[in-house]
Amino acid sequence: MLRKNLGQFSSVVCLKAIITGIEDTLGDKATAIALISAGRIRGRNLAMEGQLDSLNIDDDLDEITSKVAEVLGANGTRLLLLHKIERKDDLFYTYSTDTVCSAGEKPGSSRQCSFTLGALQGVLEVITGKKFRGIQVESVLRDGDYDVFEYGPVLR
């Protein structure tokens, strides 16, 4: 238990205030870089704590999605609801709703889900043993059915 009386969860409104405060101070791009990095670290840690490192990405993606959803969803951290992970050649796509980043945003908002993108990236990196670069390709805020993130391999 992280806090004796209030437990481990905090208000989404407070988290959003942290994000917008950092954006006001550092700007959108620097904040996005920091949030993706923080999310990636958190995702990697959650994957290890949730024993997702024992999964094999070549196994059934529906089963993997279910296990990741358990760690990140309503019975876990409550970061998001994960609906699907897809693989197309070297690319992975995640489909989520109710992300913490989109909470309280008005339709049409330009908000990107940087922390969420990073967290899912960290999880995928643990499961696959590979490094990725992610981008948001669809948003529930901009007429999408899901917040969709595309992850491609980091080419050196």
N, C-alpha and C. Protein backbone atom coordinates (compact mmCIF):
# COMPACT_ATOMS: atom_id res chain seq x y z
N MET A 1 0.85 -1.18 0.00
CA MET A 1 0.00 0.00 0.00
C MET A 1 0.89 1.24 0.00
N LEU A 2 0.63 2.12 -0.94
CA LEU A 2 1.46 3.31 -1.08
C LEU A 2 1.10 4.41 -0.09
N ARG A 3 -0.20 4.51 0.25
CA ARG A 3 -0.65 5.50 1.23
C ARG A 3 -1.56 4.81 2.22
N LYS A 4 -1.35 5.11 3.49
CA LYS A 4 -2.06 4.42 4.56
C LYS A 4 -3.59 4.57 4.45
N ASN A 5 -4.07 5.76 4.21
CA ASN A 5 -5.50 6.00 4.23
C ASN A 5 -6.16 6.10 2.85
N LEU A 6 -5.46 6.60 1.88
CA LEU A 6 -6.07 6.85 0.58
C LEU A 6 -5.75 5.78 -0.46
N GLY A 7 -4.85 4.88 -0.16
CA GLY A 7 -4.55 3.80 -1.10
C GLY A 7 -3.71 4.25 -2.28
N GLN A 8 -3.74 3.46 -3.34
CA GLN A 8 -2.82 3.70 -4.46
C GLN A 8 -3.40 4.53 -5.58
N PHE A 9 -4.71 4.79 -5.59
CA PHE A 9 -5.30 5.52 -6.71
C PHE A 9 -5.52 6.98 -6.38
N SER A 10 -5.45 7.81 -7.42
CA SER A 10 -5.62 9.24 -7.30
C SER A 10 -6.60 9.71 -8.38
N SER A 11 -6.96 10.94 -8.34
CA SER A 11 -7.93 11.51 -9.25
C SER A 11 -7.34 11.71 -10.65
N VAL A 12 -8.13 11.37 -11.67
CA VAL A 12 -7.75 11.64 -13.05
C VAL A 12 -7.66 13.15 -13.27
N VAL A 13 -8.50 13.90 -12.59
CA VAL A 13 -8.49 15.35 -12.71
C VAL A 13 -7.14 15.91 -12.25
N CYS A 14 -6.59 15.36 -11.17
CA CYS A 14 -5.28 15.80 -10.69
C CYS A 14 -4.18 15.45 -11.69
N LEU A 15 -4.25 14.24 -12.26
CA LEU A 15 -3.26 13.85 -13.26
C LEU A 15 -3.32 14.77 -14.47
N LYS A 16 -4.52 15.09 -14.92
CA LYS A 16 -4.67 15.99 -16.07
C LYS A 16 -4.10 17.37 -15.74
N ALA A 17 -4.26 17.82 -14.50
CA ALA A 17 -3.71 19.10 -14.09
C ALA A 17 -2.18 19.08 -14.14
N ILE A 18 -1.59 17.96 -13.77
CA ILE A 18 -0.14 17.81 -13.87
C ILE A 18 0.29 17.92 -15.33
N ILE A 19 -0.40 17.21 -16.20
CA ILE A 19 -0.05 17.21 -17.63
C ILE A 19 -0.17 18.61 -18.22
N THR A 20 -1.30 19.28 -17.99
CA THR A 20 -1.48 20.61 -18.58
C THR A 20 -0.52 21.63 -17.96
N GLY A 21 -0.21 21.46 -16.69
CA GLY A 21 0.77 22.35 -16.06
C GLY A 21 2.16 22.20 -16.67
N ILE A 22 2.55 20.96 -16.94
CA ILE A 22 3.85 20.72 -17.58
C ILE A 22 3.83 21.27 -19.00
N GLU A 23 2.72 21.10 -19.72
CA GLU A 23 2.62 21.65 -21.07
C GLU A 23 2.76 23.17 -21.06
N ASP A 24 2.12 23.82 -20.09
CA ASP A 24 2.23 25.28 -19.98
C ASP A 24 3.66 25.72 -19.70
N THR A 25 4.40 24.91 -18.98
CA THR A 25 5.77 25.26 -18.61
C THR A 25 6.78 24.90 -19.70
N LEU A 26 6.69 23.67 -20.22
CA LEU A 26 7.70 23.16 -21.15
C LEU A 26 7.29 23.22 -22.62
N GLY A 27 6.01 23.32 -22.88
CA GLY A 27 5.50 23.26 -24.24
C GLY A 27 5.04 21.84 -24.58
N ASP A 28 4.27 21.76 -25.66
CA ASP A 28 3.66 20.48 -26.05
C ASP A 28 4.67 19.41 -26.43
N LYS A 29 5.67 19.76 -27.22
CA LYS A 29 6.61 18.75 -27.71
C LYS A 29 7.48 18.17 -26.60
N ALA A 30 8.03 19.04 -25.76
CA ALA A 30 8.87 18.55 -24.66
C ALA A 30 8.05 17.72 -23.68
N THR A 31 6.81 18.14 -23.44
CA THR A 31 5.94 17.38 -22.56
C THR A 31 5.64 16.02 -23.14
N ALA A 32 5.33 15.97 -24.44
CA ALA A 32 5.04 14.69 -25.09
C ALA A 32 6.22 13.74 -24.98
N ILE A 33 7.43 14.23 -25.18
CA ILE A 33 8.62 13.39 -25.07
C ILE A 33 8.75 12.84 -23.65
N ALA A 34 8.57 13.73 -22.66
CA ALA A 34 8.68 13.30 -21.27
C ALA A 34 7.58 12.30 -20.89
N LEU A 35 6.35 12.53 -21.35
CA LEU A 35 5.25 11.64 -21.00
C LEU A 35 5.38 10.28 -21.69
N ILE A 36 5.83 10.26 -22.92
CA ILE A 36 6.06 8.98 -23.60
C ILE A 36 7.12 8.19 -22.85
N SER A 37 8.20 8.86 -22.48
CA SER A 37 9.27 8.19 -21.75
C SER A 37 8.79 7.68 -20.39
N ALA A 38 8.05 8.51 -19.67
CA ALA A 38 7.53 8.09 -18.37
C ALA A 38 6.55 6.93 -18.53
N GLY A 39 5.69 7.00 -19.54
CA GLY A 39 4.75 5.92 -19.80
C GLY A 39 5.46 4.63 -20.16
N ARG A 40 6.49 4.74 -20.97
CA ARG A 40 7.28 3.56 -21.38
C ARG A 40 7.90 2.87 -20.16
N ILE A 41 8.47 3.64 -19.27
CA ILE A 41 9.06 3.09 -18.06
C ILE A 41 7.97 2.43 -17.20
N ARG A 42 6.84 3.12 -17.06
CA ARG A 42 5.75 2.56 -16.27
C ARG A 42 5.23 1.28 -16.90
N GLY A 43 5.07 1.28 -18.22
CA GLY A 43 4.60 0.08 -18.92
C GLY A 43 5.55 -1.09 -18.75
N ARG A 44 6.84 -0.83 -18.86
CA ARG A 44 7.83 -1.90 -18.67
C ARG A 44 7.73 -2.47 -17.25
N ASN A 45 7.63 -1.58 -16.27
CA ASN A 45 7.53 -2.03 -14.88
C ASN A 45 6.24 -2.82 -14.64
N LEU A 46 5.13 -2.35 -15.18
CA LEU A 46 3.87 -3.07 -15.03
C LEU A 46 3.92 -4.43 -15.70
N ALA A 47 4.56 -4.49 -16.85
CA ALA A 47 4.68 -5.77 -17.56
C ALA A 47 5.48 -6.77 -16.73
N MET A 48 6.53 -6.30 -16.10
CA MET A 48 7.34 -7.19 -15.27
C MET A 48 6.57 -7.60 -14.01
N GLU A 49 5.92 -6.63 -13.36
CA GLU A 49 5.13 -6.93 -12.15
C GLU A 49 3.98 -7.89 -12.47
N GLY A 50 3.37 -7.72 -13.63
CA GLY A 50 2.24 -8.56 -14.03
C GLY A 50 2.66 -9.84 -14.72
N GLN A 51 3.95 -10.10 -14.73
CA GLN A 51 4.54 -11.32 -15.34
C GLN A 51 4.20 -11.45 -16.82
N LEU A 52 4.05 -10.32 -17.48
CA LEU A 52 3.79 -10.33 -18.92
C LEU A 52 5.05 -10.68 -19.71
N ASP A 53 6.20 -10.62 -19.05
CA ASP A 53 7.46 -10.97 -19.70
C ASP A 53 7.52 -12.45 -20.05
N SER A 54 6.62 -13.25 -19.46
CA SER A 54 6.59 -14.68 -19.77
C SER A 54 5.77 -14.98 -21.02
N LEU A 55 5.08 -13.96 -21.55
CA LEU A 55 4.28 -14.16 -22.76
C LEU A 55 5.19 -14.22 -24.00
N ASN A 56 4.74 -14.93 -25.00
CA ASN A 56 5.45 -15.01 -26.27
C ASN A 56 4.59 -14.32 -27.31
N ILE A 57 5.13 -13.30 -27.96
CA ILE A 57 4.36 -12.50 -28.90
C ILE A 57 3.85 -13.33 -30.08
N ASP A 58 4.44 -14.50 -30.29
CA ASP A 58 3.96 -15.36 -31.37
C ASP A 58 2.77 -16.21 -30.95
N ASP A 59 2.38 -16.11 -29.67
CA ASP A 59 1.18 -16.81 -29.19
C ASP A 59 -0.06 -16.06 -29.65
N ASP A 60 -1.20 -16.54 -29.27
CA ASP A 60 -2.50 -15.95 -29.62
C ASP A 60 -2.58 -14.50 -29.13
N LEU A 61 -2.74 -13.56 -30.05
CA LEU A 61 -2.80 -12.15 -29.66
C LEU A 61 -4.05 -11.82 -28.85
N ASP A 62 -5.12 -12.57 -29.02
CA ASP A 62 -6.31 -12.34 -28.19
C ASP A 62 -6.02 -12.66 -26.73
N GLU A 63 -5.28 -13.74 -26.50
CA GLU A 63 -4.90 -14.11 -25.13
C GLU A 63 -3.95 -13.07 -24.54
N ILE A 64 -2.99 -12.63 -25.34
CA ILE A 64 -2.05 -11.59 -24.88
C ILE A 64 -2.82 -10.31 -24.56
N THR A 65 -3.73 -9.92 -25.45
CA THR A 65 -4.55 -8.73 -25.22
C THR A 65 -5.29 -8.84 -23.89
N SER A 66 -5.87 -9.99 -23.62
CA SER A 66 -6.61 -10.21 -22.39
C SER A 66 -5.73 -10.03 -21.16
N LYS A 67 -4.53 -10.55 -21.22
CA LYS A 67 -3.61 -10.45 -20.07
C LYS A 67 -3.11 -9.02 -19.87
N VAL A 68 -2.81 -8.33 -20.97
CA VAL A 68 -2.38 -6.94 -20.88
C VAL A 68 -3.54 -6.08 -20.37
N ALA A 69 -4.75 -6.35 -20.88
CA ALA A 69 -5.94 -5.60 -20.45
C ALA A 69 -6.18 -5.76 -18.97
N GLU A 70 -5.92 -6.94 -18.44
CA GLU A 70 -6.10 -7.19 -17.01
C GLU A 70 -5.16 -6.30 -16.18
N VAL A 71 -3.92 -6.16 -16.63
CA VAL A 71 -2.93 -5.37 -15.90
C VAL A 71 -3.22 -3.87 -16.00
N LEU A 72 -3.65 -3.41 -17.19
CA LEU A 72 -3.81 -1.97 -17.42
C LEU A 72 -5.25 -1.48 -17.25
N GLY A 73 -6.21 -2.39 -17.13
CA GLY A 73 -7.62 -2.02 -17.13
C GLY A 73 -8.26 -1.90 -15.77
N ALA A 74 -9.56 -2.19 -15.75
CA ALA A 74 -10.39 -1.97 -14.57
C ALA A 74 -9.94 -2.76 -13.35
N ASN A 75 -9.32 -3.91 -13.55
CA ASN A 75 -8.85 -4.71 -12.43
C ASN A 75 -7.37 -4.47 -12.11
N GLY A 76 -6.76 -3.57 -12.85
CA GLY A 76 -5.35 -3.25 -12.66
C GLY A 76 -5.18 -1.77 -12.35
N THR A 77 -4.39 -1.12 -13.17
CA THR A 77 -4.05 0.29 -12.93
C THR A 77 -5.14 1.27 -13.34
N ARG A 78 -6.11 0.82 -14.13
CA ARG A 78 -7.20 1.67 -14.62
C ARG A 78 -6.69 2.75 -15.59
N LEU A 79 -5.61 2.48 -16.27
CA LEU A 79 -5.05 3.42 -17.24
C LEU A 79 -5.92 3.51 -18.48
N LEU A 80 -6.51 2.39 -18.89
CA LEU A 80 -7.26 2.34 -20.15
C LEU A 80 -8.06 1.04 -20.22
N LEU A 81 -8.90 0.96 -21.23
CA LEU A 81 -9.54 -0.30 -21.58
C LEU A 81 -8.92 -0.74 -22.90
N LEU A 82 -8.22 -1.84 -22.89
CA LEU A 82 -7.58 -2.37 -24.09
C LEU A 82 -8.52 -3.37 -24.75
N HIS A 83 -8.81 -3.12 -26.02
CA HIS A 83 -9.75 -3.96 -26.76
C HIS A 83 -9.06 -4.95 -27.68
N LYS A 84 -7.90 -4.56 -28.22
CA LYS A 84 -7.28 -5.43 -29.21
C LYS A 84 -5.82 -5.03 -29.41
N ILE A 85 -4.99 -6.04 -29.67
CA ILE A 85 -3.63 -5.85 -30.18
C ILE A 85 -3.58 -6.58 -31.51
N GLU A 86 -3.13 -5.89 -32.54
CA GLU A 86 -3.00 -6.48 -33.87
C GLU A 86 -1.54 -6.43 -34.30
N ARG A 87 -1.19 -7.38 -35.14
CA ARG A 87 0.15 -7.40 -35.72
C ARG A 87 0.01 -7.44 -37.24
N LYS A 88 0.70 -6.53 -37.91
CA LYS A 88 0.74 -6.49 -39.37
C LYS A 88 2.21 -6.36 -39.77
N ASP A 89 2.79 -7.47 -40.19
CA ASP A 89 4.21 -7.54 -40.50
C ASP A 89 5.02 -7.13 -39.28
N ASP A 90 5.83 -6.07 -39.38
CA ASP A 90 6.67 -5.63 -38.26
C ASP A 90 5.97 -4.61 -37.36
N LEU A 91 4.73 -4.28 -37.66
CA LEU A 91 4.01 -3.26 -36.91
C LEU A 91 3.00 -3.89 -35.95
N PHE A 92 2.84 -3.25 -34.80
CA PHE A 92 1.81 -3.62 -33.85
C PHE A 92 0.86 -2.45 -33.70
N TYR A 93 -0.43 -2.77 -33.54
CA TYR A 93 -1.45 -1.76 -33.31
C TYR A 93 -2.20 -2.12 -32.04
N THR A 94 -2.42 -1.12 -31.19
CA THR A 94 -3.23 -1.33 -30.00
C THR A 94 -4.48 -0.46 -30.12
N TYR A 95 -5.60 -1.00 -29.66
CA TYR A 95 -6.89 -0.32 -29.74
C TYR A 95 -7.43 -0.18 -28.33
N SER A 96 -7.58 1.04 -27.87
CA SER A 96 -8.03 1.27 -26.50
C SER A 96 -9.08 2.37 -26.44
N THR A 97 -9.82 2.38 -25.35
CA THR A 97 -10.75 3.46 -25.06
C THR A 97 -10.61 3.80 -23.58
N ASP A 98 -11.29 4.86 -23.21
CA ASP A 98 -11.33 5.30 -21.81
C ASP A 98 -9.92 5.53 -21.27
N THR A 99 -9.04 6.04 -22.13
CA THR A 99 -7.67 6.29 -21.70
C THR A 99 -7.62 7.48 -20.74
N VAL A 100 -6.69 7.45 -19.86
CA VAL A 100 -6.53 8.53 -18.90
C VAL A 100 -6.22 9.84 -19.62
N CYS A 101 -5.51 9.77 -20.73
CA CYS A 101 -5.11 10.98 -21.46
C CYS A 101 -6.30 11.69 -22.12
N SER A 102 -7.30 10.94 -22.55
CA SER A 102 -8.47 11.53 -23.22
C SER A 102 -9.55 11.96 -22.24
N ALA A 103 -9.41 11.61 -20.99
CA ALA A 103 -10.44 11.91 -19.99
C ALA A 103 -10.72 13.41 -19.93
N GLY A 104 -12.00 13.75 -20.01
CA GLY A 104 -12.42 15.14 -19.85
C GLY A 104 -12.17 16.03 -21.05
N GLU A 105 -11.62 15.50 -22.10
CA GLU A 105 -11.34 16.31 -23.30
C GLU A 105 -12.61 16.46 -24.13
N LYS A 106 -12.76 17.60 -24.76
CA LYS A 106 -13.91 17.86 -25.62
C LYS A 106 -13.70 17.20 -26.99
N PRO A 107 -14.79 16.79 -27.64
CA PRO A 107 -14.67 16.25 -29.00
C PRO A 107 -13.92 17.24 -29.90
N GLY A 108 -13.03 16.72 -30.72
CA GLY A 108 -12.23 17.56 -31.60
C GLY A 108 -10.93 18.04 -30.99
N SER A 109 -10.72 17.77 -29.71
CA SER A 109 -9.50 18.19 -29.03
C SER A 109 -8.27 17.62 -29.74
N SER A 110 -7.21 18.38 -29.75
CA SER A 110 -5.96 17.92 -30.37
C SER A 110 -5.09 17.11 -29.41
N ARG A 111 -5.60 16.83 -28.22
CA ARG A 111 -4.85 16.08 -27.21
C ARG A 111 -4.35 14.76 -27.77
N GLN A 112 -3.08 14.48 -27.56
CA GLN A 112 -2.48 13.20 -27.89
C GLN A 112 -2.34 12.39 -26.60
N CYS A 113 -2.42 11.11 -26.70
CA CYS A 113 -2.34 10.22 -25.53
C CYS A 113 -0.89 9.77 -25.32
N SER A 114 -0.04 10.69 -24.98
CA SER A 114 1.40 10.42 -24.91
C SER A 114 1.76 9.41 -23.83
N PHE A 115 1.24 9.59 -22.62
CA PHE A 115 1.57 8.66 -21.54
C PHE A 115 1.04 7.27 -21.85
N THR A 116 -0.19 7.18 -22.33
CA THR A 116 -0.80 5.91 -22.68
C THR A 116 -0.02 5.22 -23.80
N LEU A 117 0.35 5.97 -24.83
CA LEU A 117 1.16 5.44 -25.92
C LEU A 117 2.45 4.84 -25.37
N GLY A 118 3.10 5.57 -24.48
CA GLY A 118 4.35 5.10 -23.89
C GLY A 118 4.16 3.86 -23.04
N ALA A 119 3.08 3.82 -22.26
CA ALA A 119 2.84 2.66 -21.39
C ALA A 119 2.63 1.40 -22.22
N LEU A 120 1.83 1.48 -23.26
CA LEU A 120 1.61 0.32 -24.12
C LEU A 120 2.90 -0.06 -24.85
N GLN A 121 3.68 0.93 -25.22
CA GLN A 121 4.97 0.66 -25.86
C GLN A 121 5.87 -0.13 -24.92
N GLY A 122 5.95 0.30 -23.67
CA GLY A 122 6.78 -0.39 -22.69
C GLY A 122 6.35 -1.83 -22.51
N VAL A 123 5.04 -2.06 -22.45
CA VAL A 123 4.52 -3.42 -22.32
C VAL A 123 4.92 -4.26 -23.53
N LEU A 124 4.71 -3.73 -24.73
CA LEU A 124 5.07 -4.47 -25.95
C LEU A 124 6.57 -4.77 -26.00
N GLU A 125 7.38 -3.83 -25.55
CA GLU A 125 8.83 -4.05 -25.56
C GLU A 125 9.22 -5.19 -24.64
N VAL A 126 8.57 -5.30 -23.51
CA VAL A 126 8.87 -6.40 -22.59
C VAL A 126 8.43 -7.73 -23.21
N ILE A 127 7.25 -7.75 -23.78
CA ILE A 127 6.72 -9.00 -24.35
C ILE A 127 7.54 -9.46 -25.55
N THR A 128 7.96 -8.52 -26.40
CA THR A 128 8.67 -8.88 -27.63
C THR A 128 10.18 -8.93 -27.47
N GLY A 129 10.71 -8.21 -26.48
CA GLY A 129 12.15 -8.09 -26.35
C GLY A 129 12.75 -7.15 -27.38
N LYS A 130 11.92 -6.33 -28.02
CA LYS A 130 12.39 -5.38 -29.05
C LYS A 130 12.04 -3.96 -28.64
N LYS A 131 12.75 -3.01 -29.23
CA LYS A 131 12.47 -1.58 -29.02
C LYS A 131 11.55 -1.10 -30.13
N PHE A 132 10.61 -0.21 -29.74
CA PHE A 132 9.66 0.33 -30.70
C PHE A 132 9.63 1.85 -30.65
N ARG A 133 9.08 2.41 -31.69
CA ARG A 133 8.73 3.83 -31.74
C ARG A 133 7.24 3.86 -32.04
N GLY A 134 6.49 4.57 -31.23
CA GLY A 134 5.05 4.58 -31.38
C GLY A 134 4.52 5.93 -31.85
N ILE A 135 3.37 5.87 -32.54
CA ILE A 135 2.65 7.07 -32.93
C ILE A 135 1.15 6.80 -32.74
N GLN A 136 0.42 7.86 -32.47
CA GLN A 136 -1.03 7.73 -32.38
C GLN A 136 -1.60 7.95 -33.77
N VAL A 137 -2.40 6.99 -34.24
CA VAL A 137 -2.94 7.07 -35.61
C VAL A 137 -4.45 7.30 -35.64
N GLU A 138 -5.10 7.18 -34.50
CA GLU A 138 -6.54 7.43 -34.42
C GLU A 138 -6.86 7.86 -33.00
N SER A 139 -7.88 8.70 -32.86
CA SER A 139 -8.26 9.19 -31.53
C SER A 139 -9.77 9.18 -31.35
N VAL A 140 -10.21 8.80 -30.17
CA VAL A 140 -11.63 8.88 -29.85
C VAL A 140 -12.09 10.34 -29.80
N LEU A 141 -11.15 11.24 -29.64
CA LEU A 141 -11.48 12.67 -29.59
C LEU A 141 -11.72 13.25 -30.97
N ARG A 142 -11.25 12.54 -31.99
CA ARG A 142 -11.36 13.02 -33.36
C ARG A 142 -12.07 11.98 -34.23
N ASP A 143 -13.24 11.59 -33.78
CA ASP A 143 -14.15 10.70 -34.51
C ASP A 143 -13.68 9.26 -34.66
N GLY A 144 -12.67 8.84 -33.93
CA GLY A 144 -12.25 7.45 -33.96
C GLY A 144 -13.06 6.61 -32.98
N ASP A 145 -13.17 5.34 -33.28
CA ASP A 145 -13.82 4.44 -32.34
C ASP A 145 -12.90 4.08 -31.18
N TYR A 146 -11.59 4.21 -31.42
CA TYR A 146 -10.56 3.85 -30.44
C TYR A 146 -9.44 4.88 -30.48
N ASP A 147 -8.63 4.87 -29.43
CA ASP A 147 -7.31 5.48 -29.48
C ASP A 147 -6.42 4.37 -30.01
N VAL A 148 -5.92 4.55 -31.23
CA VAL A 148 -5.12 3.52 -31.88
C VAL A 148 -3.68 4.01 -31.93
N PHE A 149 -2.78 3.13 -31.48
CA PHE A 149 -1.35 3.42 -31.49
C PHE A 149 -0.66 2.42 -32.38
N GLU A 150 0.25 2.91 -33.20
CA GLU A 150 1.04 2.05 -34.10
C GLU A 150 2.47 2.03 -33.58
N TYR A 151 3.02 0.83 -33.47
CA TYR A 151 4.39 0.65 -32.97
C TYR A 151 5.21 -0.05 -34.02
N GLY A 152 6.28 0.62 -34.44
CA GLY A 152 7.20 0.03 -35.41
C GLY A 152 8.57 -0.15 -34.77
N PRO A 153 9.35 -1.05 -35.34
CA PRO A 153 10.69 -1.30 -34.78
C PRO A 153 11.59 -0.08 -34.93
N VAL A 154 12.44 0.10 -33.95
CA VAL A 154 13.44 1.15 -34.02
C VAL A 154 14.56 0.65 -34.91
N LEU A 155 14.78 1.37 -36.00
CA LEU A 155 15.83 0.98 -36.95
C LEU A 155 17.10 1.72 -36.60
N ARG A 156 18.19 1.00 -36.59
CA ARG A 156 19.48 1.64 -36.24
C ARG A 156 20.34 1.79 -37.46
